[in-house]
Amino acid sequence: QPVYRTSEKLTQRGLSSAGLAKAVRTLLAHPQFSAAERLPESIRTELKFPSRADAFRQVHAPQNAEEAERGRRSLKFEELLLLQIK
């Protein structure tokens, strides 16, 4: 279960860590949730990375530690690659 940090201001306004976790779970479970791919399919296939939407699900609602790590690795790789390209 991921733990989300919130500020005192957010907590005072009713958005605690548990509330934020619930909002993220709701968003990721929505049938229309999608995340535009930023890596070419060839790279994702070669590195066995999940789709971007699945990577977000794996990070925020993992079935196990291995799945969470796979999602994190994919999103970190994407971020670092895009920083290098800029």
PDB file of N, CA and C in Angstrom:
ATOM      1  N   GLN A   1       0.849  -1.183   0.000  1.00  0.00           N
ATOM      2  CA  GLN A   1       0.000   0.000   0.000  1.00  0.00           C
ATOM      3  C   GLN A   1       0.891   1.242   0.000  1.00  0.00           C
ATOM      4  N   PRO A   2       0.854   2.029  -1.058  1.00  0.00           N
ATOM      5  CA  PRO A   2       1.652   3.256  -1.097  1.00  0.00           C
ATOM      6  C   PRO A   2       1.213   4.250  -0.026  1.00  0.00           C
ATOM      7  N   VAL A   3       2.170   5.012   0.450  1.00  0.00           N
ATOM      8  CA  VAL A   3       1.894   6.080   1.412  1.00  0.00           C
ATOM      9  C   VAL A   3       2.205   7.389   0.715  1.00  0.00           C
ATOM     10  N   TYR A   4       1.256   8.293   0.742  1.00  0.00           N
ATOM     11  CA  TYR A   4       1.415   9.581   0.077  1.00  0.00           C
ATOM     12  C   TYR A   4       1.623  10.659   1.120  1.00  0.00           C
ATOM     13  N   ARG A   5       2.623  11.480   0.905  1.00  0.00           N
ATOM     14  CA  ARG A   5       2.870  12.599   1.813  1.00  0.00           C
ATOM     15  C   ARG A   5       1.915  13.731   1.480  1.00  0.00           C
ATOM     16  N   THR A   6       1.389  14.338   2.515  1.00  0.00           N
ATOM     17  CA  THR A   6       0.548  15.515   2.323  1.00  0.00           C
ATOM     18  C   THR A   6       1.030  16.600   3.272  1.00  0.00           C
ATOM     19  N   SER A   7       0.707  17.800   2.944  1.00  0.00           N
ATOM     20  CA  SER A   7       1.085  18.921   3.803  1.00  0.00           C
ATOM     21  C   SER A   7       0.013  19.119   4.871  1.00  0.00           C
ATOM     22  N   GLU A   8       0.341  19.909   5.851  1.00  0.00           N
ATOM     23  CA  GLU A   8      -0.619  20.221   6.907  1.00  0.00           C
ATOM     24  C   GLU A   8      -1.844  20.923   6.319  1.00  0.00           C
ATOM     25  N   LYS A   9      -1.601  21.816   5.353  1.00  0.00           N
ATOM     26  CA  LYS A   9      -2.714  22.529   4.708  1.00  0.00           C
ATOM     27  C   LYS A   9      -3.672  21.557   4.020  1.00  0.00           C
ATOM     28  N   LEU A  10      -3.116  20.601   3.291  1.00  0.00           N
ATOM     29  CA  LEU A  10      -3.971  19.628   2.607  1.00  0.00           C
ATOM     30  C   LEU A  10      -4.745  18.783   3.608  1.00  0.00           C
ATOM     31  N   THR A  11      -4.084  18.364   4.667  1.00  0.00           N
ATOM     32  CA  THR A  11      -4.742  17.561   5.691  1.00  0.00           C
ATOM     33  C   THR A  11      -5.877  18.346   6.332  1.00  0.00           C
ATOM     34  N   GLN A  12      -5.643  19.628   6.608  1.00  0.00           N
ATOM     35  CA  GLN A  12      -6.682  20.473   7.199  1.00  0.00           C
ATOM     36  C   GLN A  12      -7.879  20.612   6.265  1.00  0.00           C
ATOM     37  N   ARG A  13      -7.638  20.503   4.981  1.00  0.00           N
ATOM     38  CA  ARG A  13      -8.724  20.621   3.997  1.00  0.00           C
ATOM     39  C   ARG A  13      -9.328  19.266   3.637  1.00  0.00           C
ATOM     40  N   GLY A  14      -8.969  18.249   4.401  1.00  0.00           N
ATOM     41  CA  GLY A  14      -9.579  16.937   4.219  1.00  0.00           C
ATOM     42  C   GLY A  14      -8.868  16.007   3.267  1.00  0.00           C
ATOM     43  N   LEU A  15      -7.671  16.361   2.837  1.00  0.00           N
ATOM     44  CA  LEU A  15      -6.939  15.488   1.923  1.00  0.00           C
ATOM     45  C   LEU A  15      -5.740  14.892   2.657  1.00  0.00           C
ATOM     46  N   SER A  16      -6.027  13.865   3.431  1.00  0.00           N
ATOM     47  CA  SER A  16      -4.985  13.159   4.169  1.00  0.00           C
ATOM     48  C   SER A  16      -4.286  12.173   3.242  1.00  0.00           C
ATOM     49  N   SER A  17      -3.308  11.482   3.767  1.00  0.00           N
ATOM     50  CA  SER A  17      -2.608  10.458   2.989  1.00  0.00           C
ATOM     51  C   SER A  17      -3.595   9.390   2.514  1.00  0.00           C
ATOM     52  N   ALA A  18      -4.495   8.983   3.399  1.00  0.00           N
ATOM     53  CA  ALA A  18      -5.491   7.967   3.038  1.00  0.00           C
ATOM     54  C   ALA A  18      -6.446   8.497   1.966  1.00  0.00           C
ATOM     55  N   GLY A  19      -6.830   9.758   2.079  1.00  0.00           N
ATOM     56  CA  GLY A  19      -7.720  10.361   1.087  1.00  0.00           C
ATOM     57  C   GLY A  19      -7.063  10.462  -0.273  1.00  0.00           C
ATOM     58  N   LEU A  20      -5.795  10.820  -0.274  1.00  0.00           N
ATOM     59  CA  LEU A  20      -5.055  10.908  -1.532  1.00  0.00           C
ATOM     60  C   LEU A  20      -4.900   9.520  -2.155  1.00  0.00           C
ATOM     61  N   ALA A  21      -4.618   8.511  -1.326  1.00  0.00           N
ATOM     62  CA  ALA A  21      -4.492   7.135  -1.822  1.00  0.00           C
ATOM     63  C   ALA A  21      -5.805   6.676  -2.457  1.00  0.00           C
ATOM     64  N   LYS A  22      -6.918   7.012  -1.825  1.00  0.00           N
ATOM     65  CA  LYS A  22      -8.225   6.633  -2.370  1.00  0.00           C
ATOM     66  C   LYS A  22      -8.471   7.316  -3.715  1.00  0.00           C
ATOM     67  N   ALA A  23      -8.120   8.595  -3.816  1.00  0.00           N
ATOM     68  CA  ALA A  23      -8.300   9.332  -5.071  1.00  0.00           C
ATOM     69  C   ALA A  23      -7.460   8.718  -6.193  1.00  0.00           C
ATOM     70  N   VAL A  24      -6.223   8.352  -5.883  1.00  0.00           N
ATOM     71  CA  VAL A  24      -5.339   7.741  -6.889  1.00  0.00           C
ATOM     72  C   VAL A  24      -5.900   6.389  -7.325  1.00  0.00           C
ATOM     73  N   ARG A  25      -6.342   5.571  -6.361  1.00  0.00           N
ATOM     74  CA  ARG A  25      -6.927   4.264  -6.709  1.00  0.00           C
ATOM     75  C   ARG A  25      -8.156   4.427  -7.605  1.00  0.00           C
ATOM     76  N   THR A  26      -9.000   5.405  -7.277  1.00  0.00           N
ATOM     77  CA  THR A  26     -10.202   5.657  -8.077  1.00  0.00           C
ATOM     78  C   THR A  26      -9.827   6.054  -9.501  1.00  0.00           C
ATOM     79  N   LEU A  27      -8.872   6.952  -9.624  1.00  0.00           N
ATOM     80  CA  LEU A  27      -8.425   7.401 -10.945  1.00  0.00           C
ATOM     81  C   LEU A  27      -7.872   6.241 -11.769  1.00  0.00           C
ATOM     82  N   LEU A  28      -6.990   5.447 -11.164  1.00  0.00           N
ATOM     83  CA  LEU A  28      -6.352   4.356 -11.904  1.00  0.00           C
ATOM     84  C   LEU A  28      -7.330   3.248 -12.276  1.00  0.00           C
ATOM     85  N   ALA A  29      -8.400   3.101 -11.498  1.00  0.00           N
ATOM     86  CA  ALA A  29      -9.385   2.055 -11.773  1.00  0.00           C
ATOM     87  C   ALA A  29     -10.428   2.493 -12.801  1.00  0.00           C
ATOM     88  N   HIS A  30     -10.471   3.773 -13.109  1.00  0.00           N
ATOM     89  CA  HIS A  30     -11.471   4.277 -14.051  1.00  0.00           C
ATOM     90  C   HIS A  30     -11.229   3.668 -15.428  1.00  0.00           C
ATOM     91  N   PRO A  31     -12.292   3.184 -16.075  1.00  0.00           N
ATOM     92  CA  PRO A  31     -12.124   2.531 -17.384  1.00  0.00           C
ATOM     93  C   PRO A  31     -11.514   3.430 -18.460  1.00  0.00           C
ATOM     94  N   GLN A  32     -11.664   4.722 -18.330  1.00  0.00           N
ATOM     95  CA  GLN A  32     -11.121   5.629 -19.342  1.00  0.00           C
ATOM     96  C   GLN A  32      -9.743   6.170 -18.975  1.00  0.00           C
ATOM     97  N   PHE A  33      -9.159   5.672 -17.872  1.00  0.00           N
ATOM     98  CA  PHE A  33      -7.816   6.133 -17.510  1.00  0.00           C
ATOM     99  C   PHE A  33      -6.835   5.716 -18.598  1.00  0.00           C
ATOM    100  N   SER A  34      -6.031   6.662 -19.035  1.00  0.00           N
ATOM    101  CA  SER A  34      -4.978   6.358 -19.999  1.00  0.00           C
ATOM    102  C   SER A  34      -3.811   7.309 -19.751  1.00  0.00           C
ATOM    103  N   ALA A  35      -2.685   6.930 -20.249  1.00  0.00           N
ATOM    104  CA  ALA A  35      -1.485   7.764 -20.144  1.00  0.00           C
ATOM    105  C   ALA A  35      -0.768   7.655 -21.481  1.00  0.00           C
ATOM    106  N   ALA A  36      -0.600   8.772 -22.140  1.00  0.00           N
ATOM    107  CA  ALA A  36       0.030   8.771 -23.460  1.00  0.00           C
ATOM    108  C   ALA A  36       1.422   8.157 -23.393  1.00  0.00           C
ATOM    109  N   GLU A  37       1.691   7.274 -24.331  1.00  0.00           N
ATOM    110  CA  GLU A  37       3.010   6.640 -24.396  1.00  0.00           C
ATOM    111  C   GLU A  37       4.050   7.665 -24.823  1.00  0.00           C
ATOM    112  N   ARG A  38       5.192   7.633 -24.154  1.00  0.00           N
ATOM    113  CA  ARG A  38       6.275   8.538 -24.529  1.00  0.00           C
ATOM    114  C   ARG A  38       7.501   7.765 -25.001  1.00  0.00           C
ATOM    115  N   LEU A  39       7.488   6.457 -24.807  1.00  0.00           N
ATOM    116  CA  LEU A  39       8.582   5.610 -25.299  1.00  0.00           C
ATOM    117  C   LEU A  39       8.096   4.851 -26.528  1.00  0.00           C
ATOM    118  N   PRO A  40       8.956   4.700 -27.516  1.00  0.00           N
ATOM    119  CA  PRO A  40       8.572   3.891 -28.677  1.00  0.00           C
ATOM    120  C   PRO A  40       8.293   2.443 -28.256  1.00  0.00           C
ATOM    121  N   GLU A  41       7.359   1.828 -28.947  1.00  0.00           N
ATOM    122  CA  GLU A  41       6.999   0.436 -28.673  1.00  0.00           C
ATOM    123  C   GLU A  41       8.226  -0.471 -28.727  1.00  0.00           C
ATOM    124  N   SER A  42       9.134  -0.214 -29.663  1.00  0.00           N
ATOM    125  CA  SER A  42      10.326  -1.062 -29.814  1.00  0.00           C
ATOM    126  C   SER A  42      11.179  -1.054 -28.545  1.00  0.00           C
ATOM    127  N   ILE A  43      11.318   0.096 -27.910  1.00  0.00           N
ATOM    128  CA  ILE A  43      12.102   0.189 -26.671  1.00  0.00           C
ATOM    129  C   ILE A  43      11.369  -0.526 -25.543  1.00  0.00           C
ATOM    130  N   ARG A  44      10.061  -0.271 -25.425  1.00  0.00           N
ATOM    131  CA  ARG A  44       9.290  -0.931 -24.363  1.00  0.00           C
ATOM    132  C   ARG A  44       9.337  -2.447 -24.511  1.00  0.00           C
ATOM    133  N   THR A  45       9.235  -2.923 -25.746  1.00  0.00           N
ATOM    134  CA  THR A  45       9.270  -4.366 -25.983  1.00  0.00           C
ATOM    135  C   THR A  45      10.639  -4.942 -25.642  1.00  0.00           C
ATOM    136  N   GLU A  46      11.684  -4.291 -26.122  1.00  0.00           N
ATOM    137  CA  GLU A  46      13.045  -4.790 -25.881  1.00  0.00           C
ATOM    138  C   GLU A  46      13.369  -4.845 -24.392  1.00  0.00           C
ATOM    139  N   LEU A  47      12.947  -3.830 -23.647  1.00  0.00           N
ATOM    140  CA  LEU A  47      13.249  -3.765 -22.215  1.00  0.00           C
ATOM    141  C   LEU A  47      12.170  -4.404 -21.349  1.00  0.00           C
ATOM    142  N   LYS A  48      11.135  -4.941 -21.998  1.00  0.00           N
ATOM    143  CA  LYS A  48      10.019  -5.601 -21.304  1.00  0.00           C
ATOM    144  C   LYS A  48       9.330  -4.665 -20.314  1.00  0.00           C
ATOM    145  N   PHE A  49       9.151  -3.419 -20.738  1.00  0.00           N
ATOM    146  CA  PHE A  49       8.454  -2.427 -19.925  1.00  0.00           C
ATOM    147  C   PHE A  49       6.954  -2.513 -20.193  1.00  0.00           C
ATOM    148  N   PRO A  50       6.152  -2.251 -19.176  1.00  0.00           N
ATOM    149  CA  PRO A  50       4.704  -2.218 -19.375  1.00  0.00           C
ATOM    150  C   PRO A  50       4.298  -0.934 -20.101  1.00  0.00           C
ATOM    151  N   SER A  51       3.047  -0.862 -20.506  1.00  0.00           N
ATOM    152  CA  SER A  51       2.541   0.398 -21.056  1.00  0.00           C
ATOM    153  C   SER A  51       2.655   1.456 -19.956  1.00  0.00           C
ATOM    154  N   ARG A  52       2.586   2.697 -20.340  1.00  0.00           N
ATOM    155  CA  ARG A  52       2.716   3.779 -19.357  1.00  0.00           C
ATOM    156  C   ARG A  52       1.568   3.719 -18.343  1.00  0.00           C
ATOM    157  N   ALA A  53       0.352   3.472 -18.806  1.00  0.00           N
ATOM    158  CA  ALA A  53      -0.795   3.364 -17.897  1.00  0.00           C
ATOM    159  C   ALA A  53      -0.591   2.208 -16.922  1.00  0.00           C
ATOM    160  N   ASP A  54      -0.125   1.064 -17.423  1.00  0.00           N
ATOM    161  CA  ASP A  54       0.127  -0.075 -16.539  1.00  0.00           C
ATOM    162  C   ASP A  54       1.258   0.218 -15.560  1.00  0.00           C
ATOM    163  N   ALA A  55       2.263   0.955 -15.988  1.00  0.00           N
ATOM    164  CA  ALA A  55       3.362   1.317 -15.084  1.00  0.00           C
ATOM    165  C   ALA A  55       2.832   2.156 -13.921  1.00  0.00           C
ATOM    166  N   PHE A  56       1.942   3.102 -14.220  1.00  0.00           N
ATOM    167  CA  PHE A  56       1.342   3.897 -13.143  1.00  0.00           C
ATOM    168  C   PHE A  56       0.540   3.007 -12.199  1.00  0.00           C
ATOM    169  N   ARG A  57      -0.211   2.071 -12.755  1.00  0.00           N
ATOM    170  CA  ARG A  57      -0.981   1.144 -11.908  1.00  0.00           C
ATOM    171  C   ARG A  57      -0.046   0.288 -11.055  1.00  0.00           C
ATOM    172  N   GLN A  58       1.045  -0.170 -11.652  1.00  0.00           N
ATOM    173  CA  GLN A  58       1.984  -1.020 -10.921  1.00  0.00           C
ATOM    174  C   GLN A  58       2.664  -0.261  -9.789  1.00  0.00           C
ATOM    175  N   VAL A  59       2.912   1.009  -9.981  1.00  0.00           N
ATOM    176  CA  VAL A  59       3.557   1.815  -8.941  1.00  0.00           C
ATOM    177  C   VAL A  59       2.570   2.146  -7.821  1.00  0.00           C
ATOM    178  N   HIS A  60       1.352   2.510  -8.186  1.00  0.00           N
ATOM    179  CA  HIS A  60       0.396   2.994  -7.197  1.00  0.00           C
ATOM    180  C   HIS A  60      -0.523   1.917  -6.624  1.00  0.00           C
ATOM    181  N   ALA A  61      -0.667   0.795  -7.306  1.00  0.00           N
ATOM    182  CA  ALA A  61      -1.523  -0.289  -6.817  1.00  0.00           C
ATOM    183  C   ALA A  61      -0.909  -1.635  -7.198  1.00  0.00           C
ATOM    184  N   PRO A  62       0.316  -1.884  -6.738  1.00  0.00           N
ATOM    185  CA  PRO A  62       1.009  -3.118  -7.140  1.00  0.00           C
ATOM    186  C   PRO A  62       0.397  -4.364  -6.511  1.00  0.00           C
ATOM    187  N   GLN A  63       0.476  -5.462  -7.249  1.00  0.00           N
ATOM    188  CA  GLN A  63       0.044  -6.755  -6.719  1.00  0.00           C
ATOM    189  C   GLN A  63       1.124  -7.347  -5.810  1.00  0.00           C
ATOM    190  N   ASN A  64       2.382  -6.960  -6.070  1.00  0.00           N
ATOM    191  CA  ASN A  64       3.500  -7.450  -5.261  1.00  0.00           C
ATOM    192  C   ASN A  64       4.687  -6.496  -5.448  1.00  0.00           C
ATOM    193  N   ALA A  65       5.735  -6.726  -4.696  1.00  0.00           N
ATOM    194  CA  ALA A  65       6.910  -5.840  -4.730  1.00  0.00           C
ATOM    195  C   ALA A  65       7.599  -5.870  -6.096  1.00  0.00           C
ATOM    196  N   GLU A  66       7.614  -7.024  -6.734  1.00  0.00           N
ATOM    197  CA  GLU A  66       8.261  -7.147  -8.050  1.00  0.00           C
ATOM    198  C   GLU A  66       7.541  -6.285  -9.091  1.00  0.00           C
ATOM    199  N   GLU A  67       6.226  -6.308  -9.045  1.00  0.00           N
ATOM    200  CA  GLU A  67       5.446  -5.500  -9.982  1.00  0.00           C
ATOM    201  C   GLU A  67       5.675  -4.006  -9.733  1.00  0.00           C
ATOM    202  N   ALA A  68       5.729  -3.612  -8.477  1.00  0.00           N
ATOM    203  CA  ALA A  68       5.981  -2.205  -8.143  1.00  0.00           C
ATOM    204  C   ALA A  68       7.342  -1.768  -8.675  1.00  0.00           C
ATOM    205  N   GLU A  69       8.327  -2.627  -8.529  1.00  0.00           N
ATOM    206  CA  GLU A  69       9.675  -2.299  -9.010  1.00  0.00           C
ATOM    207  C   GLU A  69       9.705  -2.205 -10.534  1.00  0.00           C
ATOM    208  N   ARG A  70       8.995  -3.084 -11.216  1.00  0.00           N
ATOM    209  CA  ARG A  70       8.937  -3.055 -12.685  1.00  0.00           C
ATOM    210  C   ARG A  70       8.316  -1.735 -13.161  1.00  0.00           C
ATOM    211  N   GLY A  71       7.253  -1.302 -12.518  1.00  0.00           N
ATOM    212  CA  GLY A  71       6.620  -0.034 -12.883  1.00  0.00           C
ATOM    213  C   GLY A  71       7.526   1.153 -12.616  1.00  0.00           C
ATOM    214  N   ARG A  72       8.181   1.150 -11.452  1.00  0.00           N
ATOM    215  CA  ARG A  72       9.116   2.239 -11.108  1.00  0.00           C
ATOM    216  C   ARG A  72      10.262   2.310 -12.103  1.00  0.00           C
ATOM    217  N   ARG A  73      10.827   1.156 -12.428  1.00  0.00           N
ATOM    218  CA  ARG A  73      11.965   1.110 -13.352  1.00  0.00           C
ATOM    219  C   ARG A  73      11.572   1.683 -14.717  1.00  0.00           C
ATOM    220  N   SER A  74      10.396   1.334 -15.180  1.00  0.00           N
ATOM    221  CA  SER A  74       9.918   1.821 -16.471  1.00  0.00           C
ATOM    222  C   SER A  74       9.747   3.340 -16.462  1.00  0.00           C
ATOM    223  N   LEU A  75       9.094   3.870 -15.438  1.00  0.00           N
ATOM    224  CA  LEU A  75       8.860   5.317 -15.371  1.00  0.00           C
ATOM    225  C   LEU A  75      10.159   6.094 -15.160  1.00  0.00           C
ATOM    226  N   LYS A  76      11.069   5.543 -14.377  1.00  0.00           N
ATOM    227  CA  LYS A  76      12.369   6.211 -14.171  1.00  0.00           C
ATOM    228  C   LYS A  76      13.174   6.241 -15.469  1.00  0.00           C
ATOM    229  N   PHE A  77      13.179   5.119 -16.186  1.00  0.00           N
ATOM    230  CA  PHE A  77      13.899   5.064 -17.456  1.00  0.00           C
ATOM    231  C   PHE A  77      13.348   6.112 -18.411  1.00  0.00           C
ATOM    232  N   GLU A  78      12.028   6.170 -18.514  1.00  0.00           N
ATOM    233  CA  GLU A  78      11.380   7.139 -19.402  1.00  0.00           C
ATOM    234  C   GLU A  78      11.791   8.563 -19.038  1.00  0.00           C
ATOM    235  N   GLU A  79      11.736   8.877 -17.759  1.00  0.00           N
ATOM    236  CA  GLU A  79      12.080  10.235 -17.314  1.00  0.00           C
ATOM    237  C   GLU A  79      13.539  10.574 -17.625  1.00  0.00           C
ATOM    238  N   LEU A  80      14.436   9.657 -17.329  1.00  0.00           N
ATOM    239  CA  LEU A  80      15.856   9.914 -17.588  1.00  0.00           C
ATOM    240  C   LEU A  80      16.152  10.021 -19.082  1.00  0.00           C
ATOM    241  N   LEU A  81      15.525   9.180 -19.885  1.00  0.00           N
ATOM    242  CA  LEU A  81      15.723   9.254 -21.333  1.00  0.00           C
ATOM    243  C   LEU A  81      15.249  10.604 -21.870  1.00  0.00           C
ATOM    244  N   LEU A  82      14.091  11.042 -21.432  1.00  0.00           N
ATOM    245  CA  LEU A  82      13.559  12.321 -21.910  1.00  0.00           C
ATOM    246  C   LEU A  82      14.425  13.497 -21.455  1.00  0.00           C
ATOM    247  N   LEU A  83      15.010  13.397 -20.275  1.00  0.00           N
ATOM    248  CA  LEU A  83      15.933  14.448 -19.824  1.00  0.00           C
ATOM    249  C   LEU A  83      17.179  14.492 -20.702  1.00  0.00           C
ATOM    250  N   GLN A  84      17.659  13.332 -21.133  1.00  0.00           N
ATOM    251  CA  GLN A  84      18.844  13.265 -21.985  1.00  0.00           C
ATOM    252  C   GLN A  84      18.569  13.837 -23.379  1.00  0.00           C
ATOM    253  N   ILE A  85      17.369  13.634 -23.864  1.00  0.00           N
ATOM    254  CA  ILE A  85      17.005  14.086 -25.210  1.00  0.00           C
ATOM    255  C   ILE A  85      16.859  15.597 -25.275  1.00  0.00           C
ATOM    256  N   LYS A  86      16.417  16.211 -24.197  1.00  0.00           N
ATOM    257  CA  LYS A  86      16.161  17.667 -24.195  1.00  0.00           C
ATOM    258  C   LYS A  86      17.384  18.466 -24.491  1.00  0.00           C
TER     259      LYS A  86
END
